[in-house]
Amino acid sequence: MNKETTLLKLKTGEKALVKEILGGKNVKEKLNAMGIYPGAEIKKSISPSKGPIIAEILRYKIAIGRGMAEKIIVYENNPDGKS
């Protein structure tokens, strides 16, 4: 069984499946427009100690603010990064 966490807490380099997005309609619509929705695969690429994280979704790299990344609930994939 895969463990639930947030995109912010996911380890750098790990892939995950989006479970749900917390927040209101505007947050969900903004993330959906970036390709982030339940069932989508996402990879956390870069996570500096401050500022936005960089994630890969649909082969694109996008910057996501830390507050918004905390609202993205994901299922961690297997330790080897495969679905």
C-alpha atoms as a PDB file:
ATOM      1  CA  MET A   1       0.000   0.000   0.000  1.00  0.00           C
ATOM      2  CA  ASN A   2       1.301   3.426  -0.890  1.00  0.00           C
ATOM      3  CA  LYS A   3       1.788   6.043   1.791  1.00  0.00           C
ATOM      4  CA  GLU A   4      -0.006   9.403   1.680  1.00  0.00           C
ATOM      5  CA  THR A   5       1.923  12.649   2.022  1.00  0.00           C
ATOM      6  CA  THR A   6       1.994  16.119   0.505  1.00  0.00           C
ATOM      7  CA  LEU A   7       4.027  17.197  -2.489  1.00  0.00           C
ATOM      8  CA  LEU A   8       6.014  19.472  -0.187  1.00  0.00           C
ATOM      9  CA  LYS A   9       7.033  16.559   2.058  1.00  0.00           C
ATOM     10  CA  LEU A  10       7.832  14.211  -0.832  1.00  0.00           C
ATOM     11  CA  LYS A  11      11.550  13.522  -1.186  1.00  0.00           C
ATOM     12  CA  THR A  12      13.411  15.192  -4.039  1.00  0.00           C
ATOM     13  CA  GLY A  13      13.528  12.900  -7.083  1.00  0.00           C
ATOM     14  CA  GLU A  14      10.517  10.827  -6.035  1.00  0.00           C
ATOM     15  CA  LYS A  15       7.465  10.258  -8.194  1.00  0.00           C
ATOM     16  CA  ALA A  16       3.941  10.141  -6.833  1.00  0.00           C
ATOM     17  CA  LEU A  17       0.322   9.996  -7.913  1.00  0.00           C
ATOM     18  CA  VAL A  18      -1.910  12.909  -6.995  1.00  0.00           C
ATOM     19  CA  LYS A  19      -4.662  11.733  -4.634  1.00  0.00           C
ATOM     20  CA  GLU A  20      -6.485  14.999  -4.028  1.00  0.00           C
ATOM     21  CA  ILE A  21      -6.100  18.736  -3.896  1.00  0.00           C
ATOM     22  CA  LEU A  22      -7.116  20.585  -0.764  1.00  0.00           C
ATOM     23  CA  GLY A  23      -8.431  24.090  -1.057  1.00  0.00           C
ATOM     24  CA  GLY A  24     -11.085  26.040  -2.852  1.00  0.00           C
ATOM     25  CA  LYS A  25     -12.241  26.195  -6.427  1.00  0.00           C
ATOM     26  CA  ASN A  26      -9.556  28.701  -7.491  1.00  0.00           C
ATOM     27  CA  VAL A  27      -6.690  26.552  -6.179  1.00  0.00           C
ATOM     28  CA  LYS A  28      -8.063  23.440  -7.860  1.00  0.00           C
ATOM     29  CA  GLU A  29      -8.630  25.251 -11.173  1.00  0.00           C
ATOM     30  CA  LYS A  30      -5.129  26.767 -11.154  1.00  0.00           C
ATOM     31  CA  LEU A  31      -3.469  23.409 -10.464  1.00  0.00           C
ATOM     32  CA  ASN A  32      -5.714  21.639 -12.972  1.00  0.00           C
ATOM     33  CA  ALA A  33      -4.604  24.126 -15.641  1.00  0.00           C
ATOM     34  CA  MET A  34      -1.000  23.110 -14.881  1.00  0.00           C
ATOM     35  CA  GLY A  35      -1.876  19.419 -15.327  1.00  0.00           C
ATOM     36  CA  ILE A  36      -2.089  18.641 -11.610  1.00  0.00           C
ATOM     37  CA  TYR A  37      -5.277  16.731 -10.807  1.00  0.00           C
ATOM     38  CA  PRO A  38      -6.197  13.476  -9.030  1.00  0.00           C
ATOM     39  CA  GLY A  39      -4.588  10.525 -10.808  1.00  0.00           C
ATOM     40  CA  ALA A  40      -1.792  12.538 -12.436  1.00  0.00           C
ATOM     41  CA  GLU A  41       1.811  11.438 -11.932  1.00  0.00           C
ATOM     42  CA  ILE A  42       4.115  14.106 -10.531  1.00  0.00           C
ATOM     43  CA  LYS A  43       7.827  14.149  -9.702  1.00  0.00           C
ATOM     44  CA  LYS A  44       9.471  16.490  -7.223  1.00  0.00           C
ATOM     45  CA  SER A  45      12.623  17.669  -9.012  1.00  0.00           C
ATOM     46  CA  ILE A  46      14.124  20.428  -6.883  1.00  0.00           C
ATOM     47  CA  SER A  47      13.283  21.535  -3.376  1.00  0.00           C
ATOM     48  CA  PRO A  48      15.387  24.399  -2.029  1.00  0.00           C
ATOM     49  CA  SER A  49      15.076  25.209   1.665  1.00  0.00           C
ATOM     50  CA  LYS A  50      13.264  28.435   0.765  1.00  0.00           C
ATOM     51  CA  GLY A  51      11.100  29.497  -2.149  1.00  0.00           C
ATOM     52  CA  PRO A  52       9.068  27.399  -4.567  1.00  0.00           C
ATOM     53  CA  ILE A  53       9.671  23.767  -5.361  1.00  0.00           C
ATOM     54  CA  ILE A  54      10.175  22.540  -8.915  1.00  0.00           C
ATOM     55  CA  ALA A  55       8.028  19.629 -10.014  1.00  0.00           C
ATOM     56  CA  GLU A  56       7.734  17.699 -13.260  1.00  0.00           C
ATOM     57  CA  ILE A  57       4.297  16.974 -14.646  1.00  0.00           C
ATOM     58  CA  LEU A  58       3.492  15.850 -18.182  1.00  0.00           C
ATOM     59  CA  ARG A  59       7.209  16.290 -19.053  1.00  0.00           C
ATOM     60  CA  TYR A  60       7.115  19.976 -18.043  1.00  0.00           C
ATOM     61  CA  LYS A  61       8.941  21.531 -15.112  1.00  0.00           C
ATOM     62  CA  ILE A  62       6.849  23.951 -13.104  1.00  0.00           C
ATOM     63  CA  ALA A  63       7.441  26.049 -10.003  1.00  0.00           C
ATOM     64  CA  ILE A  64       4.901  25.608  -7.234  1.00  0.00           C
ATOM     65  CA  GLY A  65       4.792  27.732  -4.111  1.00  0.00           C
ATOM     66  CA  ARG A  66       5.367  25.900  -0.861  1.00  0.00           C
ATOM     67  CA  GLY A  67       1.867  26.719   0.426  1.00  0.00           C
ATOM     68  CA  MET A  68       0.242  25.319  -2.693  1.00  0.00           C
ATOM     69  CA  ALA A  69       2.515  22.239  -2.650  1.00  0.00           C
ATOM     70  CA  GLU A  70       1.256  21.556   0.881  1.00  0.00           C
ATOM     71  CA  LYS A  71      -2.295  21.324  -0.530  1.00  0.00           C
ATOM     72  CA  ILE A  72      -1.402  18.612  -3.038  1.00  0.00           C
ATOM     73  CA  ILE A  73      -1.951  15.215  -1.395  1.00  0.00           C
ATOM     74  CA  VAL A  74      -0.092  12.400  -3.124  1.00  0.00           C
ATOM     75  CA  TYR A  75       0.449   8.652  -2.881  1.00  0.00           C
ATOM     76  CA  GLU A  76       4.162   7.907  -2.684  1.00  0.00           C
ATOM     77  CA  ASN A  77       5.263   5.357  -5.267  1.00  0.00           C
ATOM     78  CA  ASN A  78       7.609   2.452  -4.683  1.00  0.00           C
ATOM     79  CA  PRO A  79      11.125   3.324  -3.431  1.00  0.00           C
ATOM     80  CA  ASP A  80      12.589   2.652  -6.889  1.00  0.00           C
ATOM     81  CA  GLY A  81      10.365   5.404  -8.341  1.00  0.00           C
ATOM     82  CA  LYS A  82       8.283   3.068 -10.518  1.00  0.00           C
ATOM     83  CA  SER A  83       4.506   3.158 -10.486  1.00  0.00           C
END
